[in-house]
Amino acid sequence: MLPNELLISQQARDLGNQLIKEMNINRSYGMANFLGVNTCYDNHQAVLIWTFQLLEREPTLNELAEIKKYLCTRQISQNPYPIRVLPS
């Protein structure tokens, strides 16, 4: 095993890489905390680990669109600045 190699399934790696490409996620840092994985990982590694953990919890998921829904739902629920509707 290489020092930077992640031990995740090929399915998680493939779906995670598709997610990274489609959502144009850069390699910097910051997403790990948002995704609930160890903050030592860069954004790409964090997405791959999160995808693997999601597939472990929800083994029936196999479509990129479904994975994106989970990510976007997490983003909305974790938003520290929710949209407030002002009274008219």
N, C-alpha and C. Protein backbone atom coordinates (compact mmCIF):
# COMPACT_ATOMS: atom_id res chain seq x y z
N MET A 1 0.85 -1.19 0.00
CA MET A 1 0.00 0.00 0.00
C MET A 1 0.89 1.24 0.00
N LEU A 2 0.54 2.21 -0.82
CA LEU A 2 1.26 3.48 -0.87
C LEU A 2 0.87 4.35 0.31
N PRO A 3 1.74 5.26 0.76
CA PRO A 3 1.44 6.09 1.94
C PRO A 3 0.17 6.93 1.79
N ASN A 4 -0.14 7.41 0.58
CA ASN A 4 -1.31 8.27 0.40
C ASN A 4 -2.51 7.53 -0.18
N GLU A 5 -2.43 6.20 -0.24
CA GLU A 5 -3.50 5.42 -0.82
C GLU A 5 -4.63 5.23 0.19
N LEU A 6 -5.85 5.44 -0.26
CA LEU A 6 -7.02 5.25 0.60
C LEU A 6 -7.56 3.84 0.40
N LEU A 7 -7.92 3.18 1.48
CA LEU A 7 -8.49 1.84 1.39
C LEU A 7 -10.01 1.96 1.31
N ILE A 8 -10.49 2.16 0.10
CA ILE A 8 -11.93 2.27 -0.14
C ILE A 8 -12.27 1.37 -1.33
N SER A 9 -13.55 1.07 -1.47
CA SER A 9 -13.98 0.21 -2.57
C SER A 9 -13.80 0.91 -3.92
N GLN A 10 -13.71 0.12 -4.96
CA GLN A 10 -13.58 0.69 -6.31
C GLN A 10 -14.85 1.46 -6.67
N GLN A 11 -16.01 0.97 -6.24
CA GLN A 11 -17.27 1.67 -6.51
C GLN A 11 -17.25 3.06 -5.87
N ALA A 12 -16.81 3.15 -4.62
CA ALA A 12 -16.74 4.45 -3.94
C ALA A 12 -15.73 5.35 -4.63
N ARG A 13 -14.61 4.79 -5.05
CA ARG A 13 -13.58 5.58 -5.75
C ARG A 13 -14.14 6.12 -7.07
N ASP A 14 -14.81 5.27 -7.83
CA ASP A 14 -15.36 5.69 -9.13
C ASP A 14 -16.42 6.77 -8.96
N LEU A 15 -17.39 6.52 -8.06
CA LEU A 15 -18.46 7.50 -7.84
C LEU A 15 -17.91 8.79 -7.24
N GLY A 16 -16.98 8.67 -6.30
CA GLY A 16 -16.37 9.85 -5.69
C GLY A 16 -15.62 10.69 -6.70
N ASN A 17 -14.86 10.04 -7.58
CA ASN A 17 -14.13 10.77 -8.61
C ASN A 17 -15.08 11.45 -9.60
N GLN A 18 -16.18 10.80 -9.92
CA GLN A 18 -17.19 11.42 -10.78
C GLN A 18 -17.78 12.65 -10.10
N LEU A 19 -18.06 12.53 -8.81
CA LEU A 19 -18.61 13.64 -8.03
C LEU A 19 -17.62 14.81 -8.00
N ILE A 20 -16.36 14.52 -7.77
CA ILE A 20 -15.31 15.55 -7.74
C ILE A 20 -15.25 16.27 -9.08
N LYS A 21 -15.28 15.51 -10.16
CA LYS A 21 -15.18 16.10 -11.50
C LYS A 21 -16.43 16.92 -11.84
N GLU A 22 -17.59 16.34 -11.61
CA GLU A 22 -18.84 17.01 -11.99
C GLU A 22 -19.10 18.27 -11.17
N MET A 23 -18.73 18.24 -9.89
CA MET A 23 -18.98 19.40 -9.03
C MET A 23 -17.76 20.32 -8.94
N ASN A 24 -16.73 19.99 -9.73
CA ASN A 24 -15.53 20.83 -9.83
C ASN A 24 -14.93 21.13 -8.45
N ILE A 25 -14.72 20.09 -7.67
CA ILE A 25 -14.17 20.23 -6.32
C ILE A 25 -12.65 20.30 -6.41
N ASN A 26 -12.08 21.36 -5.87
CA ASN A 26 -10.62 21.50 -5.92
C ASN A 26 -9.96 20.66 -4.82
N ARG A 27 -8.64 20.52 -4.91
CA ARG A 27 -7.92 19.63 -4.02
C ARG A 27 -7.55 20.28 -2.68
N SER A 28 -7.86 21.51 -2.46
CA SER A 28 -7.44 22.18 -1.23
C SER A 28 -8.10 21.54 0.00
N TYR A 29 -8.12 22.23 1.09
CA TYR A 29 -8.65 21.70 2.35
C TYR A 29 -9.90 22.46 2.76
N GLY A 30 -10.73 21.85 3.60
CA GLY A 30 -11.89 22.52 4.15
C GLY A 30 -13.16 21.69 4.12
N MET A 31 -13.28 20.76 3.17
CA MET A 31 -14.51 19.98 3.05
C MET A 31 -14.59 18.84 4.06
N ALA A 32 -13.46 18.39 4.56
CA ALA A 32 -13.46 17.24 5.47
C ALA A 32 -14.33 17.50 6.70
N ASN A 33 -14.18 18.64 7.30
CA ASN A 33 -14.98 18.98 8.47
C ASN A 33 -16.46 19.01 8.12
N PHE A 34 -16.78 19.62 6.99
CA PHE A 34 -18.16 19.70 6.51
C PHE A 34 -18.75 18.31 6.27
N LEU A 35 -17.92 17.40 5.74
CA LEU A 35 -18.40 16.06 5.42
C LEU A 35 -18.33 15.10 6.61
N GLY A 36 -17.74 15.55 7.70
CA GLY A 36 -17.68 14.71 8.89
C GLY A 36 -16.59 13.65 8.86
N VAL A 37 -15.52 13.92 8.10
CA VAL A 37 -14.39 13.00 8.09
C VAL A 37 -13.18 13.71 8.71
N ASN A 38 -12.14 12.95 9.00
CA ASN A 38 -10.94 13.50 9.63
C ASN A 38 -10.40 14.68 8.82
N THR A 39 -10.08 15.76 9.50
CA THR A 39 -9.65 16.98 8.81
C THR A 39 -8.23 16.92 8.27
N CYS A 40 -7.54 15.81 8.44
CA CYS A 40 -6.20 15.67 7.85
C CYS A 40 -6.28 15.43 6.34
N TYR A 41 -7.47 15.14 5.82
CA TYR A 41 -7.62 14.82 4.40
C TYR A 41 -7.92 16.06 3.58
N ASP A 42 -7.37 16.10 2.35
CA ASP A 42 -7.71 17.19 1.43
C ASP A 42 -9.12 16.95 0.89
N ASN A 43 -9.63 17.91 0.12
CA ASN A 43 -11.01 17.83 -0.35
C ASN A 43 -11.29 16.57 -1.17
N HIS A 44 -10.37 16.20 -2.06
CA HIS A 44 -10.59 15.01 -2.89
C HIS A 44 -10.64 13.76 -2.02
N GLN A 45 -9.70 13.62 -1.11
CA GLN A 45 -9.69 12.46 -0.22
C GLN A 45 -10.94 12.44 0.65
N ALA A 46 -11.35 13.61 1.14
CA ALA A 46 -12.54 13.70 2.00
C ALA A 46 -13.79 13.25 1.25
N VAL A 47 -13.92 13.66 0.00
CA VAL A 47 -15.08 13.26 -0.80
C VAL A 47 -15.06 11.75 -1.04
N LEU A 48 -13.90 11.20 -1.33
CA LEU A 48 -13.80 9.75 -1.55
C LEU A 48 -14.16 8.97 -0.28
N ILE A 49 -13.66 9.41 0.86
CA ILE A 49 -13.97 8.74 2.12
C ILE A 49 -15.44 8.88 2.46
N TRP A 50 -15.99 10.08 2.29
CA TRP A 50 -17.41 10.32 2.57
C TRP A 50 -18.28 9.43 1.67
N THR A 51 -17.91 9.34 0.39
CA THR A 51 -18.66 8.50 -0.54
C THR A 51 -18.61 7.04 -0.10
N PHE A 52 -17.44 6.58 0.30
CA PHE A 52 -17.29 5.20 0.79
C PHE A 52 -18.18 4.97 2.01
N GLN A 53 -18.15 5.89 2.97
CA GLN A 53 -18.96 5.75 4.18
C GLN A 53 -20.45 5.77 3.85
N LEU A 54 -20.84 6.62 2.91
CA LEU A 54 -22.25 6.68 2.50
C LEU A 54 -22.68 5.35 1.88
N LEU A 55 -21.85 4.80 1.01
CA LEU A 55 -22.18 3.52 0.37
C LEU A 55 -22.21 2.37 1.38
N GLU A 56 -21.40 2.46 2.42
CA GLU A 56 -21.44 1.45 3.48
C GLU A 56 -22.77 1.52 4.23
N ARG A 57 -23.28 2.74 4.47
CA ARG A 57 -24.55 2.92 5.18
C ARG A 57 -25.75 2.65 4.27
N GLU A 58 -25.62 3.01 3.00
CA GLU A 58 -26.71 2.89 2.02
C GLU A 58 -26.24 2.07 0.82
N PRO A 59 -26.12 0.75 0.98
CA PRO A 59 -25.53 -0.07 -0.09
C PRO A 59 -26.33 -0.09 -1.39
N THR A 60 -27.58 0.33 -1.36
CA THR A 60 -28.37 0.32 -2.60
C THR A 60 -28.07 1.53 -3.49
N LEU A 61 -27.37 2.52 -2.96
CA LEU A 61 -27.01 3.68 -3.79
C LEU A 61 -25.98 3.26 -4.83
N ASN A 62 -26.22 3.62 -6.07
CA ASN A 62 -25.23 3.32 -7.11
C ASN A 62 -25.26 4.33 -8.24
N GLU A 63 -26.04 5.36 -8.10
CA GLU A 63 -26.15 6.39 -9.13
C GLU A 63 -25.52 7.68 -8.64
N LEU A 64 -24.80 8.35 -9.52
CA LEU A 64 -24.17 9.61 -9.16
C LEU A 64 -25.21 10.64 -8.73
N ALA A 65 -26.35 10.68 -9.41
CA ALA A 65 -27.40 11.66 -9.07
C ALA A 65 -27.87 11.48 -7.63
N GLU A 66 -27.98 10.23 -7.17
CA GLU A 66 -28.40 9.97 -5.79
C GLU A 66 -27.35 10.44 -4.80
N ILE A 67 -26.08 10.20 -5.12
CA ILE A 67 -24.98 10.63 -4.25
C ILE A 67 -24.96 12.15 -4.16
N LYS A 68 -25.15 12.82 -5.28
CA LYS A 68 -25.17 14.30 -5.30
C LYS A 68 -26.30 14.83 -4.43
N LYS A 69 -27.45 14.14 -4.45
CA LYS A 69 -28.58 14.56 -3.60
C LYS A 69 -28.19 14.53 -2.13
N TYR A 70 -27.52 13.46 -1.72
CA TYR A 70 -27.06 13.36 -0.33
C TYR A 70 -26.11 14.49 0.02
N LEU A 71 -25.18 14.79 -0.89
CA LEU A 71 -24.21 15.85 -0.65
C LEU A 71 -24.91 17.20 -0.55
N CYS A 72 -25.82 17.48 -1.47
CA CYS A 72 -26.53 18.77 -1.46
C CYS A 72 -27.44 18.90 -0.25
N THR A 73 -28.10 17.81 0.14
CA THR A 73 -28.95 17.83 1.34
C THR A 73 -28.10 18.11 2.56
N ARG A 74 -26.92 17.52 2.62
CA ARG A 74 -26.01 17.76 3.75
C ARG A 74 -25.60 19.22 3.76
N GLN A 75 -25.33 19.77 2.58
CA GLN A 75 -24.91 21.16 2.49
C GLN A 75 -26.00 22.09 3.02
N ILE A 76 -27.23 21.83 2.66
CA ILE A 76 -28.34 22.66 3.12
C ILE A 76 -28.53 22.52 4.62
N SER A 77 -28.48 21.29 5.14
CA SER A 77 -28.73 21.09 6.57
C SER A 77 -27.58 21.60 7.43
N GLN A 78 -26.37 21.69 6.87
CA GLN A 78 -25.21 22.15 7.63
C GLN A 78 -24.96 23.65 7.47
N ASN A 79 -25.79 24.33 6.69
CA ASN A 79 -25.58 25.75 6.41
C ASN A 79 -25.75 26.57 7.69
N PRO A 80 -24.68 27.27 8.13
CA PRO A 80 -24.79 28.07 9.35
C PRO A 80 -25.58 29.37 9.12
N TYR A 81 -25.86 29.69 7.87
CA TYR A 81 -26.57 30.92 7.54
C TYR A 81 -27.84 30.60 6.76
N PRO A 82 -28.83 30.03 7.42
CA PRO A 82 -30.04 29.66 6.69
C PRO A 82 -30.75 30.89 6.14
N ILE A 83 -31.46 30.69 5.06
CA ILE A 83 -32.22 31.78 4.45
C ILE A 83 -33.42 32.08 5.33
N ARG A 84 -33.60 33.34 5.63
CA ARG A 84 -34.75 33.74 6.45
C ARG A 84 -35.72 34.54 5.58
N VAL A 85 -36.97 34.23 5.71
CA VAL A 85 -37.99 34.95 4.97
C VAL A 85 -38.44 36.12 5.83
N LEU A 86 -38.33 37.30 5.26
CA LEU A 86 -38.74 38.50 5.99
C LEU A 86 -40.24 38.69 5.86
N PRO A 87 -40.88 39.19 6.91
CA PRO A 87 -42.32 39.44 6.81
C PRO A 87 -42.60 40.53 5.78
N SER A 88 -43.71 40.41 5.09
CA SER A 88 -44.03 41.42 4.07
C SER A 88 -44.89 42.53 4.61
